[in-house]
Amino acid sequence: MDNRSLLPNEKICMSIVEAAEYSSIGHNKLRGIIAENPDLDFILHKGKQILIKRSQFEQWIETINYI
């Protein structure tokens, strides 16, 4: 199965753009959060590419009240 045909909620990892669309957080805002907090557990580095681990990202969103 082609990974590009999966919906974001069906993927284990998402690109920053997909995670931004999935969460309604702007991709520039999400990039800023990642830059300021490089040790967040939902970040996965794949070479120069940053991927977002969906389940950890969802858990992180559940814990915050303000972005």
PDB file of N, CA and C in Angstrom:
ATOM      1  N   MET A   1       0.848  -1.192   0.000  1.00  0.00           N
ATOM      2  CA  MET A   1       0.000   0.000   0.000  1.00  0.00           C
ATOM      3  C   MET A   1       0.883   1.243   0.000  1.00  0.00           C
ATOM      4  N   ASP A   2       0.534   2.209  -0.775  1.00  0.00           N
ATOM      5  CA  ASP A   2       1.261   3.464  -0.865  1.00  0.00           C
ATOM      6  C   ASP A   2       0.938   4.316   0.354  1.00  0.00           C
ATOM      7  N   ASN A   3       1.966   4.722   1.091  1.00  0.00           N
ATOM      8  CA  ASN A   3       1.797   5.508   2.318  1.00  0.00           C
ATOM      9  C   ASN A   3       1.112   6.844   2.060  1.00  0.00           C
ATOM     10  N   ARG A   4       1.255   7.385   0.849  1.00  0.00           N
ATOM     11  CA  ARG A   4       0.644   8.682   0.534  1.00  0.00           C
ATOM     12  C   ARG A   4      -0.874   8.598   0.450  1.00  0.00           C
ATOM     13  N   SER A   5      -1.417   7.402   0.299  1.00  0.00           N
ATOM     14  CA  SER A   5      -2.866   7.257   0.192  1.00  0.00           C
ATOM     15  C   SER A   5      -3.533   7.134   1.556  1.00  0.00           C
ATOM     16  N   LEU A   6      -2.741   7.016   2.618  1.00  0.00           N
ATOM     17  CA  LEU A   6      -3.304   6.931   3.958  1.00  0.00           C
ATOM     18  C   LEU A   6      -3.695   8.312   4.468  1.00  0.00           C
ATOM     19  N   LEU A   7      -4.752   8.367   5.241  1.00  0.00           N
ATOM     20  CA  LEU A   7      -5.131   9.604   5.915  1.00  0.00           C
ATOM     21  C   LEU A   7      -4.193   9.822   7.089  1.00  0.00           C
ATOM     22  N   PRO A   8      -3.984  11.081   7.534  1.00  0.00           N
ATOM     23  CA  PRO A   8      -3.076  11.327   8.663  1.00  0.00           C
ATOM     24  C   PRO A   8      -3.416  10.509   9.910  1.00  0.00           C
ATOM     25  N   ASN A   9      -4.699  10.289  10.183  1.00  0.00           N
ATOM     26  CA  ASN A   9      -5.056   9.530  11.389  1.00  0.00           C
ATOM     27  C   ASN A   9      -4.817   8.031  11.223  1.00  0.00           C
ATOM     28  N   GLU A  10      -4.388   7.602  10.037  1.00  0.00           N
ATOM     29  CA  GLU A  10      -4.057   6.206   9.774  1.00  0.00           C
ATOM     30  C   GLU A  10      -2.544   5.973   9.764  1.00  0.00           C
ATOM     31  N   LYS A  11      -1.773   7.033   9.832  1.00  0.00           N
ATOM     32  CA  LYS A  11      -0.324   6.936   9.761  1.00  0.00           C
ATOM     33  C   LYS A  11       0.285   6.886  11.152  1.00  0.00           C
ATOM     34  N   ILE A  12       1.423   6.219  11.256  1.00  0.00           N
ATOM     35  CA  ILE A  12       2.182   6.232  12.506  1.00  0.00           C
ATOM     36  C   ILE A  12       2.945   7.543  12.609  1.00  0.00           C
ATOM     37  N   CYS A  13       3.525   7.988  11.500  1.00  0.00           N
ATOM     38  CA  CYS A  13       4.277   9.238  11.451  1.00  0.00           C
ATOM     39  C   CYS A  13       3.725  10.124  10.347  1.00  0.00           C
ATOM     40  N   MET A  14       3.771  11.428  10.595  1.00  0.00           N
ATOM     41  CA  MET A  14       3.271  12.412   9.635  1.00  0.00           C
ATOM     42  C   MET A  14       4.355  13.453   9.390  1.00  0.00           C
ATOM     43  N   SER A  15       4.287  14.091   8.243  1.00  0.00           N
ATOM     44  CA  SER A  15       5.148  15.241   7.996  1.00  0.00           C
ATOM     45  C   SER A  15       4.637  16.411   8.836  1.00  0.00           C
ATOM     46  N   ILE A  16       5.422  17.456   8.914  1.00  0.00           N
ATOM     47  CA  ILE A  16       4.981  18.633   9.661  1.00  0.00           C
ATOM     48  C   ILE A  16       3.728  19.226   9.026  1.00  0.00           C
ATOM     49  N   VAL A  17       3.675  19.270   7.712  1.00  0.00           N
ATOM     50  CA  VAL A  17       2.493  19.811   7.020  1.00  0.00           C
ATOM     51  C   VAL A  17       1.260  18.963   7.331  1.00  0.00           C
ATOM     52  N   GLU A  18       1.403  17.640   7.292  1.00  0.00           N
ATOM     53  CA  GLU A  18       0.275  16.761   7.617  1.00  0.00           C
ATOM     54  C   GLU A  18      -0.153  16.934   9.073  1.00  0.00           C
ATOM     55  N   ALA A  19       0.823  17.020   9.983  1.00  0.00           N
ATOM     56  CA  ALA A  19       0.506  17.198  11.399  1.00  0.00           C
ATOM     57  C   ALA A  19      -0.179  18.543  11.641  1.00  0.00           C
ATOM     58  N   ALA A  20       0.241  19.559  10.908  1.00  0.00           N
ATOM     59  CA  ALA A  20      -0.387  20.878  11.032  1.00  0.00           C
ATOM     60  C   ALA A  20      -1.843  20.814  10.572  1.00  0.00           C
ATOM     61  N   GLU A  21      -2.086  20.178   9.449  1.00  0.00           N
ATOM     62  CA  GLU A  21      -3.458  20.031   8.957  1.00  0.00           C
ATOM     63  C   GLU A  21      -4.290  19.181   9.911  1.00  0.00           C
ATOM     64  N   TYR A  22      -3.708  18.116  10.420  1.00  0.00           N
ATOM     65  CA  TYR A  22      -4.391  17.184  11.315  1.00  0.00           C
ATOM     66  C   TYR A  22      -4.799  17.862  12.622  1.00  0.00           C
ATOM     67  N   SER A  23      -3.950  18.763  13.120  1.00  0.00           N
ATOM     68  CA  SER A  23      -4.169  19.373  14.429  1.00  0.00           C
ATOM     69  C   SER A  23      -4.743  20.786  14.373  1.00  0.00           C
ATOM     70  N   SER A  24      -4.825  21.365  13.196  1.00  0.00           N
ATOM     71  CA  SER A  24      -5.247  22.767  13.022  1.00  0.00           C
ATOM     72  C   SER A  24      -4.265  23.749  13.654  1.00  0.00           C
ATOM     73  N   ILE A  25      -3.020  23.322  13.773  1.00  0.00           N
ATOM     74  CA  ILE A  25      -1.929  24.206  14.195  1.00  0.00           C
ATOM     75  C   ILE A  25      -1.179  24.572  12.927  1.00  0.00           C
ATOM     76  N   GLY A  26      -0.883  25.820  12.729  1.00  0.00           N
ATOM     77  CA  GLY A  26      -0.162  26.234  11.535  1.00  0.00           C
ATOM     78  C   GLY A  26       1.198  25.558  11.442  1.00  0.00           C
ATOM     79  N   HIS A  27       1.638  25.251  10.235  1.00  0.00           N
ATOM     80  CA  HIS A  27       2.912  24.544  10.098  1.00  0.00           C
ATOM     81  C   HIS A  27       4.084  25.405  10.546  1.00  0.00           C
ATOM     82  N   ASN A  28       4.018  26.722  10.372  1.00  0.00           N
ATOM     83  CA  ASN A  28       5.089  27.586  10.879  1.00  0.00           C
ATOM     84  C   ASN A  28       5.103  27.583  12.399  1.00  0.00           C
ATOM     85  N   LYS A  29       3.947  27.594  13.021  1.00  0.00           N
ATOM     86  CA  LYS A  29       3.852  27.528  14.478  1.00  0.00           C
ATOM     87  C   LYS A  29       4.404  26.201  14.976  1.00  0.00           C
ATOM     88  N   LEU A  30       4.043  25.120  14.307  1.00  0.00           N
ATOM     89  CA  LEU A  30       4.515  23.799  14.695  1.00  0.00           C
ATOM     90  C   LEU A  30       6.038  23.698  14.535  1.00  0.00           C
ATOM     91  N   ARG A  31       6.571  24.245  13.458  1.00  0.00           N
ATOM     92  CA  ARG A  31       8.033  24.259  13.283  1.00  0.00           C
ATOM     93  C   ARG A  31       8.705  25.058  14.397  1.00  0.00           C
ATOM     94  N   GLY A  32       8.088  26.160  14.802  1.00  0.00           N
ATOM     95  CA  GLY A  32       8.630  26.968  15.895  1.00  0.00           C
ATOM     96  C   GLY A  32       8.618  26.216  17.219  1.00  0.00           C
ATOM     97  N   ILE A  33       7.538  25.506  17.501  1.00  0.00           N
ATOM     98  CA  ILE A  33       7.445  24.703  18.728  1.00  0.00           C
ATOM     99  C   ILE A  33       8.545  23.651  18.737  1.00  0.00           C
ATOM    100  N   ILE A  34       8.753  23.002  17.607  1.00  0.00           N
ATOM    101  CA  ILE A  34       9.787  21.969  17.501  1.00  0.00           C
ATOM    102  C   ILE A  34      11.181  22.576  17.660  1.00  0.00           C
ATOM    103  N   ALA A  35      11.413  23.734  17.061  1.00  0.00           N
ATOM    104  CA  ALA A  35      12.722  24.393  17.164  1.00  0.00           C
ATOM    105  C   ALA A  35      13.016  24.801  18.614  1.00  0.00           C
ATOM    106  N   GLU A  36      11.990  25.257  19.324  1.00  0.00           N
ATOM    107  CA  GLU A  36      12.166  25.694  20.710  1.00  0.00           C
ATOM    108  C   GLU A  36      12.226  24.535  21.696  1.00  0.00           C
ATOM    109  N   ASN A  37      11.691  23.368  21.309  1.00  0.00           N
ATOM    110  CA  ASN A  37      11.608  22.207  22.199  1.00  0.00           C
ATOM    111  C   ASN A  37      12.075  20.945  21.462  1.00  0.00           C
ATOM    112  N   PRO A  38      13.368  20.868  21.127  1.00  0.00           N
ATOM    113  CA  PRO A  38      13.842  19.757  20.295  1.00  0.00           C
ATOM    114  C   PRO A  38      13.757  18.385  20.965  1.00  0.00           C
ATOM    115  N   ASP A  39      13.482  18.331  22.256  1.00  0.00           N
ATOM    116  CA  ASP A  39      13.420  17.051  22.963  1.00  0.00           C
ATOM    117  C   ASP A  39      12.001  16.526  23.135  1.00  0.00           C
ATOM    118  N   LEU A  40      11.021  17.138  22.493  1.00  0.00           N
ATOM    119  CA  LEU A  40       9.654  16.630  22.578  1.00  0.00           C
ATOM    120  C   LEU A  40       9.617  15.193  22.069  1.00  0.00           C
ATOM    121  N   ASP A  41       8.845  14.347  22.751  1.00  0.00           N
ATOM    122  CA  ASP A  41       8.887  12.917  22.415  1.00  0.00           C
ATOM    123  C   ASP A  41       8.156  12.564  21.125  1.00  0.00           C
ATOM    124  N   PHE A  42       7.442  13.502  20.518  1.00  0.00           N
ATOM    125  CA  PHE A  42       6.747  13.191  19.263  1.00  0.00           C
ATOM    126  C   PHE A  42       7.584  13.485  18.026  1.00  0.00           C
ATOM    127  N   ILE A  43       8.797  13.974  18.207  1.00  0.00           N
ATOM    128  CA  ILE A  43       9.669  14.331  17.082  1.00  0.00           C
ATOM    129  C   ILE A  43      10.529  13.131  16.690  1.00  0.00           C
ATOM    130  N   LEU A  44      10.571  12.841  15.395  1.00  0.00           N
ATOM    131  CA  LEU A  44      11.422  11.786  14.852  1.00  0.00           C
ATOM    132  C   LEU A  44      12.246  12.398  13.726  1.00  0.00           C
ATOM    133  N   HIS A  45      13.561  12.328  13.856  1.00  0.00           N
ATOM    134  CA  HIS A  45      14.448  12.853  12.811  1.00  0.00           C
ATOM    135  C   HIS A  45      14.786  11.746  11.834  1.00  0.00           C
ATOM    136  N   LYS A  46      14.570  12.028  10.554  1.00  0.00           N
ATOM    137  CA  LYS A  46      14.907  11.101   9.468  1.00  0.00           C
ATOM    138  C   LYS A  46      15.834  11.878   8.536  1.00  0.00           C
ATOM    139  N   GLY A  47      17.121  11.819   8.837  1.00  0.00           N
ATOM    140  CA  GLY A  47      18.068  12.669   8.117  1.00  0.00           C
ATOM    141  C   GLY A  47      17.751  14.126   8.425  1.00  0.00           C
ATOM    142  N   LYS A  48      17.536  14.924   7.392  1.00  0.00           N
ATOM    143  CA  LYS A  48      17.160  16.331   7.593  1.00  0.00           C
ATOM    144  C   LYS A  48      15.664  16.510   7.787  1.00  0.00           C
ATOM    145  N   GLN A  49      14.909  15.484   7.455  1.00  0.00           N
ATOM    146  CA  GLN A  49      13.450  15.563   7.558  1.00  0.00           C
ATOM    147  C   GLN A  49      12.999  15.320   8.998  1.00  0.00           C
ATOM    148  N   ILE A  50      11.993  16.064   9.427  1.00  0.00           N
ATOM    149  CA  ILE A  50      11.384  15.875  10.737  1.00  0.00           C
ATOM    150  C   ILE A  50      10.023  15.244  10.529  1.00  0.00           C
ATOM    151  N   LEU A  51       9.795  14.140  11.222  1.00  0.00           N
ATOM    152  CA  LEU A  51       8.496  13.485  11.201  1.00  0.00           C
ATOM    153  C   LEU A  51       7.857  13.615  12.578  1.00  0.00           C
ATOM    154  N   ILE A  52       6.554  13.550  12.600  1.00  0.00           N
ATOM    155  CA  ILE A  52       5.789  13.664  13.839  1.00  0.00           C
ATOM    156  C   ILE A  52       5.152  12.314  14.129  1.00  0.00           C
ATOM    157  N   LYS A  53       5.455  11.761  15.312  1.00  0.00           N
ATOM    158  CA  LYS A  53       4.842  10.506  15.732  1.00  0.00           C
ATOM    159  C   LYS A  53       3.418  10.819  16.205  1.00  0.00           C
ATOM    160  N   ARG A  54       2.442  10.315  15.475  1.00  0.00           N
ATOM    161  CA  ARG A  54       1.045  10.710  15.667  1.00  0.00           C
ATOM    162  C   ARG A  54       0.530  10.480  17.083  1.00  0.00           C
ATOM    163  N   SER A  55       0.688   9.289  17.631  1.00  0.00           N
ATOM    164  CA  SER A  55       0.090   9.017  18.944  1.00  0.00           C
ATOM    165  C   SER A  55       0.710   9.883  20.038  1.00  0.00           C
ATOM    166  N   GLN A  56       2.033  10.084  20.015  1.00  0.00           N
ATOM    167  CA  GLN A  56       2.682  10.952  21.000  1.00  0.00           C
ATOM    168  C   GLN A  56       2.272  12.409  20.791  1.00  0.00           C
ATOM    169  N   PHE A  57       2.096  12.808  19.543  1.00  0.00           N
ATOM    170  CA  PHE A  57       1.647  14.167  19.226  1.00  0.00           C
ATOM    171  C   PHE A  57       0.245  14.400  19.781  1.00  0.00           C
ATOM    172  N   GLU A  58      -0.633  13.428  19.596  1.00  0.00           N
ATOM    173  CA  GLU A  58      -1.994  13.536  20.143  1.00  0.00           C
ATOM    174  C   GLU A  58      -1.964  13.643  21.666  1.00  0.00           C
ATOM    175  N   GLN A  59      -1.109  12.839  22.311  1.00  0.00           N
ATOM    176  CA  GLN A  59      -0.993  12.896  23.773  1.00  0.00           C
ATOM    177  C   GLN A  59      -0.468  14.247  24.226  1.00  0.00           C
ATOM    178  N   TRP A  60       0.502  14.792  23.512  1.00  0.00           N
ATOM    179  CA  TRP A  60       1.057  16.099  23.854  1.00  0.00           C
ATOM    180  C   TRP A  60      -0.029  17.177  23.747  1.00  0.00           C
ATOM    181  N   ILE A  61      -0.820  17.126  22.687  1.00  0.00           N
ATOM    182  CA  ILE A  61      -1.893  18.107  22.507  1.00  0.00           C
ATOM    183  C   ILE A  61      -2.883  18.019  23.670  1.00  0.00           C
ATOM    184  N   GLU A  62      -3.156  16.814  24.148  1.00  0.00           N
ATOM    185  CA  GLU A  62      -4.082  16.632  25.267  1.00  0.00           C
ATOM    186  C   GLU A  62      -3.584  17.319  26.535  1.00  0.00           C
ATOM    187  N   THR A  63      -2.269  17.508  26.671  1.00  0.00           N
ATOM    188  CA  THR A  63      -1.701  18.053  27.917  1.00  0.00           C
ATOM    189  C   THR A  63      -1.548  19.577  27.899  1.00  0.00           C
ATOM    190  N   ILE A  64      -1.665  20.199  26.744  1.00  0.00           N
ATOM    191  CA  ILE A  64      -1.445  21.646  26.668  1.00  0.00           C
ATOM    192  C   ILE A  64      -2.773  22.395  26.642  1.00  0.00           C
ATOM    193  N   ASN A  65      -2.735  23.620  27.123  1.00  0.00           N
ATOM    194  CA  ASN A  65      -3.915  24.468  27.123  1.00  0.00           C
ATOM    195  C   ASN A  65      -3.727  25.731  26.294  1.00  0.00           C
ATOM    196  N   TYR A  66      -2.495  25.998  25.910  1.00  0.00           N
ATOM    197  CA  TYR A  66      -2.199  27.232  25.174  1.00  0.00           C
ATOM    198  C   TYR A  66      -1.023  26.988  24.247  1.00  0.00           C
ATOM    199  N   ILE A  67      -1.136  27.509  23.045  1.00  0.00           N
ATOM    200  CA  ILE A  67      -0.023  27.443  22.088  1.00  0.00           C
ATOM    201  C   ILE A  67       0.355  28.869  21.729  1.00  0.00           C
TER     202      ILE A  67
END
